Amino acid sequence: MAKQKIVWTAIPYGRVPDGPLRGRLRVSLVVSPRLTPVTAQEQQLGAADYVDFHNWPKTLQQVKLQLQINGVPGLVPLEVISKASPELWDALLPSTTPVAGFVFKDMSRVNLRSYAVRNVLGFVREHYGNLAAASASEHPTLLPWKNADGALKGMLTAAGTRTQKINFGDRSVEVPAPGFDRFFDARGKDNLNKLLQGWVFSSKSRYQASVVGIGGMPTPSTFPIRVLPADWQDPAAAGPDAALMSQFSTAAEYTLFQANRFYKRTQATDAELAMRRPDQQNLPPAVKLEELDFHRITASLADYGQVLRGLGLIIDCALPDDNAITKDLLSQPVMEGAIGVEV
């Protein structure tokens, strides 16, 4: 007999922006189906064991949803405000859609490349505005450094440019010291990479996350996170990652390093370059494309929120006016806790 499982994830979604429910707290529920066929007859979505997903939007019409707060069930009833389309489901996921079975992909050993876009945008907004105000009619001066435009010097200093003064007795000279370019120097790059491999990108990463248990609640168990933190922490505060953060002079330098690491790719070898311009001799057979099954199709729509809402795989819900979270927010503007879904 085929197995049918649904993972429900509740995500805060601000407040309802308009309409009769304007101002109500809002959550989005992400529906993650996991269908596992056992026999050949169960390898299509129309199989009897997948009755809930013959047309999921119609199934949702019979579902009652409530929000759990910190594992306590039945506290907050939810009012569905998004609209799922039975017609869209039939068009994209008909009964003949293959079902290959859900296979969990363990990403815990993958080194992640990421950076906080908000930090890059904040850096650009701040310094572009300063430069525009200080040099409205002509380009800012960079050299000599001692006469450099203040706004331009401030931007470069924030990005990691450093100088040192050399005193000759009768005069002193300000010369550049290794700044952001040290990350591209072979020795500096290798040293930093070795540190990051030991501190972050290995099974001994200094950053750990709690294993989520049944019901979405964290457990005492942890696993290593192989990704740099989004934000720089001043090493002067002597935090747990002071040694790592001391490799960077400023928050902006740390952010730009992460952005560069995200986009930087290794140079292609001669063999790889040759493959880009084949001589049409001894060509391998064309790669056979894998058939997209139910799970791959729904996963491929991850960037299309409105389509997922139309399929009922993202469900927007409004909380009632007198719910427990709204009452608590009146006395404390910031709250922490775990929310879940009761179906």
C-alpha atoms as a PDB file:
ATOM      1  CA  MET A   1       0.000   0.000   0.000  1.00  0.00           C
ATOM      2  CA  ALA A   2       1.323   3.448  -0.954  1.00  0.00           C
ATOM      3  CA  LYS A   3       2.227   5.907   1.762  1.00  0.00           C
ATOM      4  CA  GLN A   4       0.894   9.465   1.837  1.00  0.00           C
ATOM      5  CA  LYS A   5       2.388  12.066   4.155  1.00  0.00           C
ATOM      6  CA  ILE A   6       2.118  15.846   4.367  1.00  0.00           C
ATOM      7  CA  VAL A   7       4.578  18.156   6.102  1.00  0.00           C
ATOM      8  CA  TRP A   8       2.935  21.439   7.145  1.00  0.00           C
ATOM      9  CA  THR A   9       5.090  24.497   7.845  1.00  0.00           C
ATOM     10  CA  ALA A  10       3.689  27.735   9.313  1.00  0.00           C
ATOM     11  CA  ILE A  11       5.529  30.965   8.409  1.00  0.00           C
ATOM     12  CA  PRO A  12       4.657  34.460   9.755  1.00  0.00           C
ATOM     13  CA  TYR A  13       3.481  36.703   6.900  1.00  0.00           C
ATOM     14  CA  GLY A  14       2.941  40.141   8.460  1.00  0.00           C
ATOM     15  CA  ARG A  15      -0.544  41.597   8.367  1.00  0.00           C
ATOM     16  CA  VAL A  16      -3.370  41.596   5.836  1.00  0.00           C
ATOM     17  CA  PRO A  17      -2.733  44.773   3.769  1.00  0.00           C
ATOM     18  CA  ASP A  18      -6.275  45.591   2.617  1.00  0.00           C
ATOM     19  CA  GLY A  19      -9.894  44.484   2.465  1.00  0.00           C
ATOM     20  CA  PRO A  20     -12.289  43.728   5.330  1.00  0.00           C
ATOM     21  CA  LEU A  21      -9.566  41.828   7.240  1.00  0.00           C
ATOM     22  CA  ARG A  22      -7.019  44.631   6.942  1.00  0.00           C
ATOM     23  CA  GLY A  23      -4.567  44.727   9.864  1.00  0.00           C
ATOM     24  CA  ARG A  24      -5.139  41.118  10.947  1.00  0.00           C
ATOM     25  CA  LEU A  25      -2.027  39.037  11.619  1.00  0.00           C
ATOM     26  CA  ARG A  26      -1.330  36.658   8.755  1.00  0.00           C
ATOM     27  CA  VAL A  27       0.536  33.351   8.321  1.00  0.00           C
ATOM     28  CA  SER A  28       1.396  31.291   5.253  1.00  0.00           C
ATOM     29  CA  LEU A  29       1.139  27.518   5.478  1.00  0.00           C
ATOM     30  CA  VAL A  30       3.486  25.606   3.182  1.00  0.00           C
ATOM     31  CA  VAL A  31       2.175  22.164   2.189  1.00  0.00           C
ATOM     32  CA  SER A  32       4.886  19.594   1.339  1.00  0.00           C
ATOM     33  CA  PRO A  33       3.361  16.305   0.089  1.00  0.00           C
ATOM     34  CA  ARG A  34       5.463  13.154   0.273  1.00  0.00           C
ATOM     35  CA  LEU A  35       3.963  10.280  -1.688  1.00  0.00           C
ATOM     36  CA  THR A  36       5.677   6.894  -1.725  1.00  0.00           C
ATOM     37  CA  PRO A  37       4.440   4.229  -4.168  1.00  0.00           C
ATOM     38  CA  VAL A  38       4.992   0.552  -3.389  1.00  0.00           C
ATOM     39  CA  THR A  39       3.551  -1.149  -6.477  1.00  0.00           C
ATOM     40  CA  ALA A  40       3.571  -0.233 -10.181  1.00  0.00           C
ATOM     41  CA  GLN A  41      -0.128   0.642  -9.993  1.00  0.00           C
ATOM     42  CA  GLU A  42       0.664   3.354  -7.462  1.00  0.00           C
ATOM     43  CA  GLN A  43       3.129   5.254  -9.678  1.00  0.00           C
ATOM     44  CA  GLN A  44       0.550   7.732 -10.968  1.00  0.00           C
ATOM     45  CA  LEU A  45      -1.217  10.501  -9.093  1.00  0.00           C
ATOM     46  CA  GLY A  46      -4.598   9.027  -9.964  1.00  0.00           C
ATOM     47  CA  ALA A  47      -3.957   5.931  -7.824  1.00  0.00           C
ATOM     48  CA  ALA A  48      -6.613   5.248  -5.192  1.00  0.00           C
ATOM     49  CA  ASP A  49      -4.184   5.673  -2.293  1.00  0.00           C
ATOM     50  CA  TYR A  50      -3.555   9.312  -3.276  1.00  0.00           C
ATOM     51  CA  VAL A  51      -7.199  10.329  -3.103  1.00  0.00           C
ATOM     52  CA  ASP A  52      -6.385  13.558  -1.228  1.00  0.00           C
ATOM     53  CA  PHE A  53      -4.226  14.669  -4.164  1.00  0.00           C
ATOM     54  CA  HIS A  54      -6.519  13.756  -7.027  1.00  0.00           C
ATOM     55  CA  ASN A  55      -7.502  17.398  -6.699  1.00  0.00           C
ATOM     56  CA  TRP A  56      -5.881  19.022  -3.673  1.00  0.00           C
ATOM     57  CA  PRO A  57      -7.812  22.352  -3.862  1.00  0.00           C
ATOM     58  CA  LYS A  58     -11.072  20.401  -3.540  1.00  0.00           C
ATOM     59  CA  THR A  59      -9.655  18.479  -0.573  1.00  0.00           C
ATOM     60  CA  LEU A  60      -8.775  21.781   1.115  1.00  0.00           C
ATOM     61  CA  GLN A  61     -12.437  22.778   1.076  1.00  0.00           C
ATOM     62  CA  GLN A  62     -13.007  20.098   3.747  1.00  0.00           C
ATOM     63  CA  VAL A  63     -10.005  20.988   5.918  1.00  0.00           C
ATOM     64  CA  LYS A  64     -10.168  22.968   9.153  1.00  0.00           C
ATOM     65  CA  LEU A  65      -6.930  24.675  10.189  1.00  0.00           C
ATOM     66  CA  GLN A  66      -5.775  25.953  13.555  1.00  0.00           C
ATOM     67  CA  LEU A  67      -2.512  27.455  14.740  1.00  0.00           C
ATOM     68  CA  GLN A  68      -0.448  25.887  17.489  1.00  0.00           C
ATOM     69  CA  ILE A  69       1.672  28.134  19.699  1.00  0.00           C
ATOM     70  CA  ASN A  70       4.677  26.524  21.387  1.00  0.00           C
ATOM     71  CA  GLY A  71       3.162  23.090  20.884  1.00  0.00           C
ATOM     72  CA  VAL A  72      -0.213  23.896  22.497  1.00  0.00           C
ATOM     73  CA  PRO A  73      -2.953  22.815  20.029  1.00  0.00           C
ATOM     74  CA  GLY A  74      -6.230  24.474  19.198  1.00  0.00           C
ATOM     75  CA  LEU A  75      -5.369  27.978  20.396  1.00  0.00           C
ATOM     76  CA  VAL A  76      -5.989  30.023  17.246  1.00  0.00           C
ATOM     77  CA  PRO A  77      -8.472  29.192  14.474  1.00  0.00           C
ATOM     78  CA  LEU A  78      -7.283  30.227  11.005  1.00  0.00           C
ATOM     79  CA  GLU A  79      -9.336  31.808   8.226  1.00  0.00           C
ATOM     80  CA  VAL A  80      -8.092  30.913   4.736  1.00  0.00           C
ATOM     81  CA  ILE A  81      -7.782  34.067   2.576  1.00  0.00           C
ATOM     82  CA  SER A  82      -5.955  32.692  -0.487  1.00  0.00           C
ATOM     83  CA  LYS A  83      -7.849  30.892  -3.238  1.00  0.00           C
ATOM     84  CA  ALA A  84      -6.808  27.524  -4.645  1.00  0.00           C
ATOM     85  CA  SER A  85      -7.993  26.592  -8.142  1.00  0.00           C
ATOM     86  CA  PRO A  86      -9.238  23.040  -8.885  1.00  0.00           C
ATOM     87  CA  GLU A  87      -8.930  23.863 -12.600  1.00  0.00           C
ATOM     88  CA  LEU A  88      -5.254  24.841 -12.274  1.00  0.00           C
ATOM     89  CA  TRP A  89      -4.521  21.616 -10.388  1.00  0.00           C
ATOM     90  CA  ASP A  90      -6.131  19.503 -13.126  1.00  0.00           C
ATOM     91  CA  ALA A  91      -4.153  21.405 -15.784  1.00  0.00           C
ATOM     92  CA  LEU A  92      -0.725  21.101 -14.134  1.00  0.00           C
ATOM     93  CA  LEU A  93      -1.088  17.871 -12.133  1.00  0.00           C
ATOM     94  CA  PRO A  94      -3.561  15.546 -13.884  1.00  0.00           C
ATOM     95  CA  SER A  95      -4.212  11.992 -12.745  1.00  0.00           C
ATOM     96  CA  THR A  96      -1.555  10.708 -15.188  1.00  0.00           C
ATOM     97  CA  THR A  97       1.248  12.630 -13.397  1.00  0.00           C
ATOM     98  CA  PRO A  98       4.040  10.137 -12.509  1.00  0.00           C
ATOM     99  CA  VAL A  99       4.792   9.552  -8.819  1.00  0.00           C
ATOM    100  CA  ALA A 100       8.352   8.305  -8.263  1.00  0.00           C
ATOM    101  CA  GLY A 101       8.359   8.493  -4.498  1.00  0.00           C
ATOM    102  CA  PHE A 102       9.807  11.116  -2.228  1.00  0.00           C
ATOM    103  CA  VAL A 103      13.556  10.826  -1.574  1.00  0.00           C
ATOM    104  CA  PHE A 104      14.974  12.952   1.225  1.00  0.00           C
ATOM    105  CA  LYS A 105      18.135  14.820   0.200  1.00  0.00           C
ATOM    106  CA  ASP A 106      20.508  15.309   3.100  1.00  0.00           C
ATOM    107  CA  MET A 107      21.998  18.815   2.788  1.00  0.00           C
ATOM    108  CA  SER A 108      23.695  18.819   6.197  1.00  0.00           C
ATOM    109  CA  ARG A 109      27.108  18.020   4.663  1.00  0.00           C
ATOM    110  CA  VAL A 110      26.912  20.618   1.890  1.00  0.00           C
ATOM    111  CA  ASN A 111      29.044  23.764   2.137  1.00  0.00           C
ATOM    112  CA  LEU A 112      26.749  26.705   1.433  1.00  0.00           C
ATOM    113  CA  ARG A 113      27.609  29.986  -0.277  1.00  0.00           C
ATOM    114  CA  SER A 114      25.366  32.798   0.881  1.00  0.00           C
ATOM    115  CA  TYR A 115      25.373  36.502   1.721  1.00  0.00           C
ATOM    116  CA  ALA A 116      22.915  39.019   3.131  1.00  0.00           C
ATOM    117  CA  VAL A 117      21.612  41.141   0.245  1.00  0.00           C
ATOM    118  CA  ARG A 118      20.246  43.672   2.753  1.00  0.00           C
ATOM    119  CA  ASN A 119      23.788  44.364   3.975  1.00  0.00           C
ATOM    120  CA  VAL A 120      25.047  44.987   0.429  1.00  0.00           C
ATOM    121  CA  LEU A 121      22.089  47.257  -0.311  1.00  0.00           C
ATOM    122  CA  GLY A 122      22.634  49.128   2.948  1.00  0.00           C
ATOM    123  CA  PHE A 123      26.295  49.727   2.061  1.00  0.00           C
ATOM    124  CA  VAL A 124      25.405  50.964  -1.442  1.00  0.00           C
ATOM    125  CA  ARG A 125      22.588  53.231  -0.248  1.00  0.00           C
ATOM    126  CA  GLU A 126      24.695  54.841   2.471  1.00  0.00           C
ATOM    127  CA  HIS A 127      27.808  55.548   0.443  1.00  0.00           C
ATOM    128  CA  TYR A 128      26.144  56.306  -2.878  1.00  0.00           C
ATOM    129  CA  GLY A 129      24.025  58.916  -1.101  1.00  0.00           C
ATOM    130  CA  ASN A 130      27.081  60.428   0.570  1.00  0.00           C
ATOM    131  CA  LEU A 131      28.978  60.563  -2.729  1.00  0.00           C
ATOM    132  CA  ALA A 132      26.016  62.079  -4.580  1.00  0.00           C
ATOM    133  CA  ALA A 133      25.649  64.793  -1.943  1.00  0.00           C
ATOM    134  CA  ALA A 134      29.389  65.569  -1.706  1.00  0.00           C
ATOM    135  CA  SER A 135      30.176  65.454  -5.439  1.00  0.00           C
ATOM    136  CA  ALA A 136      27.047  66.639  -7.155  1.00  0.00           C
ATOM    137  CA  SER A 137      28.772  68.408 -10.063  1.00  0.00           C
ATOM    138  CA  GLU A 138      32.177  66.735 -10.468  1.00  0.00           C
ATOM    139  CA  HIS A 139      33.879  63.402  -9.847  1.00  0.00           C
ATOM    140  CA  PRO A 140      35.371  62.901  -6.377  1.00  0.00           C
ATOM    141  CA  THR A 141      39.160  62.983  -6.014  1.00  0.00           C
ATOM    142  CA  LEU A 142      40.918  59.754  -5.010  1.00  0.00           C
ATOM    143  CA  LEU A 143      44.647  60.410  -5.318  1.00  0.00           C
ATOM    144  CA  PRO A 144      46.764  61.495  -3.630  1.00  0.00           C
ATOM    145  CA  TRP A 145      45.138  59.689  -0.708  1.00  0.00           C
ATOM    146  CA  LYS A 146      45.729  62.517   1.749  1.00  0.00           C
ATOM    147  CA  ASN A 147      43.596  64.783  -0.479  1.00  0.00           C
ATOM    148  CA  ALA A 148      40.979  62.152  -1.281  1.00  0.00           C
ATOM    149  CA  ASP A 149      37.325  63.144  -1.128  1.00  0.00           C
ATOM    150  CA  GLY A 150      35.965  62.405   2.353  1.00  0.00           C
ATOM    151  CA  ALA A 151      32.905  60.493   1.128  1.00  0.00           C
ATOM    152  CA  LEU A 152      34.982  58.352  -1.220  1.00  0.00           C
ATOM    153  CA  LYS A 153      37.593  57.720   1.449  1.00  0.00           C
ATOM    154  CA  GLY A 154      34.828  56.730   3.868  1.00  0.00           C
ATOM    155  CA  MET A 155      33.387  54.212   1.390  1.00  0.00           C
ATOM    156  CA  LEU A 156      36.758  52.601   0.660  1.00  0.00           C
ATOM    157  CA  THR A 157      37.678  52.511   4.339  1.00  0.00           C
ATOM    158  CA  ALA A 158      34.377  50.780   5.153  1.00  0.00           C
ATOM    159  CA  ALA A 159      35.109  48.257   2.392  1.00  0.00           C
ATOM    160  CA  GLY A 160      38.415  47.323   4.026  1.00  0.00           C
ATOM    161  CA  THR A 161      40.944  49.791   2.577  1.00  0.00           C
ATOM    162  CA  ARG A 162      43.586  50.488   5.206  1.00  0.00           C
ATOM    163  CA  THR A 163      46.603  52.775   5.385  1.00  0.00           C
ATOM    164  CA  GLN A 164      49.530  53.239   7.707  1.00  0.00           C
ATOM    165  CA  LYS A 165      51.652  56.282   8.387  1.00  0.00           C
ATOM    166  CA  ILE A 166      55.426  56.071   8.115  1.00  0.00           C
ATOM    167  CA  ASN A 167      57.230  58.783  10.051  1.00  0.00           C
ATOM    168  CA  PHE A 168      60.527  60.066   8.578  1.00  0.00           C
ATOM    169  CA  GLY A 169      61.141  62.613  11.346  1.00  0.00           C
ATOM    170  CA  ASP A 170      60.610  65.772   9.317  1.00  0.00           C
ATOM    171  CA  ARG A 171      57.598  64.393   7.521  1.00  0.00           C
ATOM    172  CA  SER A 172      55.242  61.433   7.446  1.00  0.00           C
ATOM    173  CA  VAL A 173      53.844  59.481   4.521  1.00  0.00           C
ATOM    174  CA  GLU A 174      50.538  57.589   4.463  1.00  0.00           C
ATOM    175  CA  VAL A 175      50.820  54.409   2.417  1.00  0.00           C
ATOM    176  CA  PRO A 176      48.252  51.726   1.691  1.00  0.00           C
ATOM    177  CA  ALA A 177      48.250  48.537   3.751  1.00  0.00           C
ATOM    178  CA  PRO A 178      46.800  45.204   2.596  1.00  0.00           C
ATOM    179  CA  GLY A 179      43.051  45.789   2.420  1.00  0.00           C
ATOM    180  CA  PHE A 180      40.295  43.868   0.657  1.00  0.00           C
ATOM    181  CA  ASP A 181      42.796  42.794  -2.005  1.00  0.00           C
ATOM    182  CA  ARG A 182      44.510  40.547   0.550  1.00  0.00           C
ATOM    183  CA  PHE A 183      41.698  38.048  -0.024  1.00  0.00           C
ATOM    184  CA  PHE A 184      42.958  37.652  -3.604  1.00  0.00           C
ATOM    185  CA  ASP A 185      46.626  37.324  -2.676  1.00  0.00           C
ATOM    186  CA  ALA A 186      47.635  33.667  -2.985  1.00  0.00           C
ATOM    187  CA  ARG A 187      49.072  33.439   0.512  1.00  0.00           C
ATOM    188  CA  GLY A 188      46.307  35.423   2.193  1.00  0.00           C
ATOM    189  CA  LYS A 189      43.608  33.542   0.309  1.00  0.00           C
ATOM    190  CA  ASP A 190      45.062  30.160   1.196  1.00  0.00           C
ATOM    191  CA  ASN A 191      45.413  31.091   4.853  1.00  0.00           C
ATOM    192  CA  LEU A 192      41.819  32.320   5.105  1.00  0.00           C
ATOM    193  CA  ASN A 193      40.483  29.297   3.220  1.00  0.00           C
ATOM    194  CA  LYS A 194      42.289  26.968   5.608  1.00  0.00           C
ATOM    195  CA  LEU A 195      40.791  28.782   8.579  1.00  0.00           C
ATOM    196  CA  LEU A 196      37.298  28.676   7.104  1.00  0.00           C
ATOM    197  CA  GLN A 197      37.635  24.975   6.282  1.00  0.00           C
ATOM    198  CA  GLY A 198      38.438  24.239   9.903  1.00  0.00           C
ATOM    199  CA  TRP A 199      36.030  26.670  11.544  1.00  0.00           C
ATOM    200  CA  VAL A 200      32.969  26.540   9.284  1.00  0.00           C
ATOM    201  CA  PHE A 201      33.092  24.268   6.234  1.00  0.00           C
ATOM    202  CA  SER A 202      33.561  20.894   7.887  1.00  0.00           C
ATOM    203  CA  SER A 203      31.840  18.487  10.237  1.00  0.00           C
ATOM    204  CA  LYS A 204      33.479  20.434  13.090  1.00  0.00           C
ATOM    205  CA  SER A 205      31.823  23.750  12.232  1.00  0.00           C
ATOM    206  CA  ARG A 206      31.611  26.180  15.136  1.00  0.00           C
ATOM    207  CA  TYR A 207      28.009  26.935  14.185  1.00  0.00           C
ATOM    208  CA  GLN A 208      25.334  24.469  15.245  1.00  0.00           C
ATOM    209  CA  ALA A 209      21.580  24.231  14.751  1.00  0.00           C
ATOM    210  CA  SER A 210      19.010  22.322  16.774  1.00  0.00           C
ATOM    211  CA  VAL A 211      17.516  19.180  15.306  1.00  0.00           C
ATOM    212  CA  VAL A 212      13.762  19.664  14.880  1.00  0.00           C
ATOM    213  CA  GLY A 213      11.652  16.977  16.493  1.00  0.00           C
ATOM    214  CA  ILE A 214       8.105  15.771  16.018  1.00  0.00           C
ATOM    215  CA  GLY A 215       5.683  18.688  15.987  1.00  0.00           C
ATOM    216  CA  GLY A 216       8.333  21.140  14.838  1.00  0.00           C
ATOM    217  CA  MET A 217       9.837  21.707  18.278  1.00  0.00           C
ATOM    218  CA  PRO A 218      13.646  21.909  18.693  1.00  0.00           C
ATOM    219  CA  THR A 219      15.442  19.064  20.467  1.00  0.00           C
ATOM    220  CA  PRO A 220      18.676  19.020  22.548  1.00  0.00           C
ATOM    221  CA  SER A 221      20.493  17.421  19.591  1.00  0.00           C
ATOM    222  CA  THR A 222      22.429  19.656  17.185  1.00  0.00           C
ATOM    223  CA  PHE A 223      24.180  19.375  13.827  1.00  0.00           C
ATOM    224  CA  PRO A 224      26.888  21.567  12.210  1.00  0.00           C
ATOM    225  CA  ILE A 225      25.851  24.386   9.854  1.00  0.00           C
ATOM    226  CA  ARG A 226      28.320  24.828   7.010  1.00  0.00           C
ATOM    227  CA  VAL A 227      27.638  28.458   6.198  1.00  0.00           C
ATOM    228  CA  LEU A 228      29.069  31.785   7.331  1.00  0.00           C
ATOM    229  CA  PRO A 229      26.773  33.881   9.568  1.00  0.00           C
ATOM    230  CA  ALA A 230      24.914  36.593   7.677  1.00  0.00           C
ATOM    231  CA  ASP A 231      26.170  39.441   9.873  1.00  0.00           C
ATOM    232  CA  TRP A 232      29.599  40.452  11.085  1.00  0.00           C
ATOM    233  CA  GLN A 233      30.153  40.553  14.839  1.00  0.00           C
ATOM    234  CA  ASP A 234      32.725  42.946  16.275  1.00  0.00           C
ATOM    235  CA  PRO A 235      35.558  40.732  17.594  1.00  0.00           C
ATOM    236  CA  ALA A 236      36.207  43.320  20.314  1.00  0.00           C
ATOM    237  CA  ALA A 237      33.092  41.971  22.039  1.00  0.00           C
ATOM    238  CA  ALA A 238      34.981  38.670  22.540  1.00  0.00           C
ATOM    239  CA  GLY A 239      32.080  36.578  21.275  1.00  0.00           C
ATOM    240  CA  PRO A 240      32.351  32.850  20.475  1.00  0.00           C
ATOM    241  CA  ASP A 241      33.364  33.593  16.872  1.00  0.00           C
ATOM    242  CA  ALA A 242      35.737  36.491  17.612  1.00  0.00           C
ATOM    243  CA  ALA A 243      38.674  34.636  16.030  1.00  0.00           C
ATOM    244  CA  LEU A 244      36.754  34.256  12.763  1.00  0.00           C
ATOM    245  CA  MET A 245      35.383  37.790  12.723  1.00  0.00           C
ATOM    246  CA  SER A 246      38.822  39.274  13.471  1.00  0.00           C
ATOM    247  CA  GLN A 247      39.864  38.217   9.944  1.00  0.00           C
ATOM    248  CA  PHE A 248      37.715  41.109   8.659  1.00  0.00           C
ATOM    249  CA  SER A 249      38.186  44.810   9.395  1.00  0.00           C
ATOM    250  CA  THR A 250      34.585  45.982   9.035  1.00  0.00           C
ATOM    251  CA  ALA A 251      31.036  44.727   8.601  1.00  0.00           C
ATOM    252  CA  ALA A 252      31.067  45.913   4.965  1.00  0.00           C
ATOM    253  CA  GLU A 253      34.296  44.046   4.214  1.00  0.00           C
ATOM    254  CA  TYR A 254      32.789  40.858   5.640  1.00  0.00           C
ATOM    255  CA  THR A 255      29.639  41.311   3.535  1.00  0.00           C
ATOM    256  CA  LEU A 256      31.584  42.000   0.336  1.00  0.00           C
ATOM    257  CA  PHE A 257      33.785  38.960   0.979  1.00  0.00           C
ATOM    258  CA  GLN A 258      30.679  36.777   1.254  1.00  0.00           C
ATOM    259  CA  ALA A 259      29.190  38.272  -1.924  1.00  0.00           C
ATOM    260  CA  ASN A 260      32.445  37.707  -3.821  1.00  0.00           C
ATOM    261  CA  ARG A 261      32.633  34.120  -2.578  1.00  0.00           C
ATOM    262  CA  PHE A 262      29.022  33.563  -3.670  1.00  0.00           C
ATOM    263  CA  TYR A 263      29.658  34.646  -7.279  1.00  0.00           C
ATOM    264  CA  LYS A 264      33.290  33.600  -7.707  1.00  0.00           C
ATOM    265  CA  ARG A 265      33.730  30.337  -9.569  1.00  0.00           C
ATOM    266  CA  THR A 266      36.895  28.395 -10.331  1.00  0.00           C
ATOM    267  CA  GLN A 267      38.601  28.939 -13.673  1.00  0.00           C
ATOM    268  CA  ALA A 268      37.805  26.338 -16.327  1.00  0.00           C
ATOM    269  CA  THR A 269      40.591  23.895 -17.229  1.00  0.00           C
ATOM    270  CA  ASP A 270      41.786  23.427 -20.825  1.00  0.00           C
ATOM    271  CA  ALA A 271      39.813  20.199 -21.021  1.00  0.00           C
ATOM    272  CA  GLU A 272      36.648  21.968 -19.849  1.00  0.00           C
ATOM    273  CA  LEU A 273      37.177  24.793 -22.322  1.00  0.00           C
ATOM    274  CA  ALA A 274      37.610  22.250 -25.125  1.00  0.00           C
ATOM    275  CA  MET A 275      34.275  20.701 -24.218  1.00  0.00           C
ATOM    276  CA  ARG A 276      32.585  24.080 -24.748  1.00  0.00           C
ATOM    277  CA  ARG A 277      33.780  24.101 -28.372  1.00  0.00           C
ATOM    278  CA  PRO A 278      33.620  20.440 -29.451  1.00  0.00           C
ATOM    279  CA  ASP A 279      35.092  19.391 -32.786  1.00  0.00           C
ATOM    280  CA  GLN A 280      32.060  17.177 -33.504  1.00  0.00           C
ATOM    281  CA  GLN A 281      34.264  14.068 -33.263  1.00  0.00           C
ATOM    282  CA  ASN A 282      33.525  11.150 -30.921  1.00  0.00           C
ATOM    283  CA  LEU A 283      30.603  12.965 -29.340  1.00  0.00           C
ATOM    284  CA  PRO A 284      28.881  11.142 -26.462  1.00  0.00           C
ATOM    285  CA  PRO A 285      25.171  10.405 -26.798  1.00  0.00           C
ATOM    286  CA  ALA A 286      22.788  13.115 -25.693  1.00  0.00           C
ATOM    287  CA  VAL A 287      21.869  13.085 -22.042  1.00  0.00           C
ATOM    288  CA  LYS A 288      18.463  11.546 -21.473  1.00  0.00           C
ATOM    289  CA  LEU A 289      16.297  13.903 -19.476  1.00  0.00           C
ATOM    290  CA  GLU A 290      14.688  12.457 -16.395  1.00  0.00           C
ATOM    291  CA  GLU A 291      10.919  12.355 -16.357  1.00  0.00           C
ATOM    292  CA  LEU A 292       9.509  14.932 -13.968  1.00  0.00           C
ATOM    293  CA  ASP A 293       7.357  13.282 -11.346  1.00  0.00           C
ATOM    294  CA  PHE A 294       4.889  14.859  -8.910  1.00  0.00           C
ATOM    295  CA  HIS A 295       7.544  15.861  -6.360  1.00  0.00           C
ATOM    296  CA  ARG A 296       9.931  17.322  -8.951  1.00  0.00           C
ATOM    297  CA  ILE A 297       7.151  19.304 -10.590  1.00  0.00           C
ATOM    298  CA  THR A 298       5.985  20.872  -7.344  1.00  0.00           C
ATOM    299  CA  ALA A 299       9.590  21.536  -6.251  1.00  0.00           C
ATOM    300  CA  SER A 300      10.311  23.261  -9.574  1.00  0.00           C
ATOM    301  CA  LEU A 301       7.580  25.799  -8.751  1.00  0.00           C
ATOM    302  CA  ALA A 302       9.323  26.968  -5.556  1.00  0.00           C
ATOM    303  CA  ASP A 303      10.006  30.460  -6.979  1.00  0.00           C
ATOM    304  CA  TYR A 304       6.425  30.956  -8.172  1.00  0.00           C
ATOM    305  CA  GLY A 305       4.455  31.776  -5.055  1.00  0.00           C
ATOM    306  CA  GLN A 306       1.247  32.716  -6.868  1.00  0.00           C
ATOM    307  CA  VAL A 307       1.211  29.415  -8.753  1.00  0.00           C
ATOM    308  CA  LEU A 308       1.724  27.499  -5.506  1.00  0.00           C
ATOM    309  CA  ARG A 309      -1.132  29.488  -3.952  1.00  0.00           C
ATOM    310  CA  GLY A 310      -3.303  28.571  -6.936  1.00  0.00           C
ATOM    311  CA  LEU A 311      -2.437  24.905  -6.363  1.00  0.00           C
ATOM    312  CA  GLY A 312      -3.140  25.185  -2.630  1.00  0.00           C
ATOM    313  CA  LEU A 313       0.462  24.289  -1.738  1.00  0.00           C
ATOM    314  CA  ILE A 314       0.834  27.692  -0.069  1.00  0.00           C
ATOM    315  CA  ILE A 315      -2.195  28.703   1.993  1.00  0.00           C
ATOM    316  CA  ASP A 316      -2.471  32.263   3.307  1.00  0.00           C
ATOM    317  CA  CYS A 317      -4.498  32.531   6.511  1.00  0.00           C
ATOM    318  CA  ALA A 318      -5.644  35.383   8.744  1.00  0.00           C
ATOM    319  CA  LEU A 319      -5.740  35.136  12.520  1.00  0.00           C
ATOM    320  CA  PRO A 320      -8.832  36.368  14.411  1.00  0.00           C
ATOM    321  CA  ASP A 321      -8.706  39.797  16.050  1.00  0.00           C
ATOM    322  CA  ASP A 322      -8.732  38.453  19.609  1.00  0.00           C
ATOM    323  CA  ASN A 323      -6.016  35.816  19.250  1.00  0.00           C
ATOM    324  CA  ALA A 324      -3.359  35.192  21.908  1.00  0.00           C
ATOM    325  CA  ILE A 325      -0.462  36.503  19.792  1.00  0.00           C
ATOM    326  CA  THR A 326      -2.138  39.869  19.126  1.00  0.00           C
ATOM    327  CA  LYS A 327      -2.891  40.294  22.823  1.00  0.00           C
ATOM    328  CA  ASP A 328       0.720  39.539  23.785  1.00  0.00           C
ATOM    329  CA  LEU A 329       2.038  41.964  21.153  1.00  0.00           C
ATOM    330  CA  LEU A 330       0.222  44.799  22.913  1.00  0.00           C
ATOM    331  CA  SER A 331       2.522  44.412  25.915  1.00  0.00           C
ATOM    332  CA  GLN A 332       5.733  43.279  24.186  1.00  0.00           C
ATOM    333  CA  PRO A 333       6.562  44.373  20.625  1.00  0.00           C
ATOM    334  CA  VAL A 334       8.974  41.450  20.034  1.00  0.00           C
ATOM    335  CA  MET A 335       8.002  37.848  20.725  1.00  0.00           C
ATOM    336  CA  GLU A 336       9.816  34.553  20.367  1.00  0.00           C
ATOM    337  CA  GLY A 337       8.315  31.107  20.090  1.00  0.00           C
ATOM    338  CA  ALA A 338       7.329  28.289  17.774  1.00  0.00           C
ATOM    339  CA  ILE A 339       4.162  28.107  15.699  1.00  0.00           C
ATOM    340  CA  GLY A 340       2.753  25.051  14.001  1.00  0.00           C
ATOM    341  CA  VAL A 341      -0.386  23.835  12.258  1.00  0.00           C
ATOM    342  CA  GLU A 342      -3.204  21.625  13.500  1.00  0.00           C
ATOM    343  CA  VAL A 343      -5.164  20.067  10.648  1.00  0.00           C
END
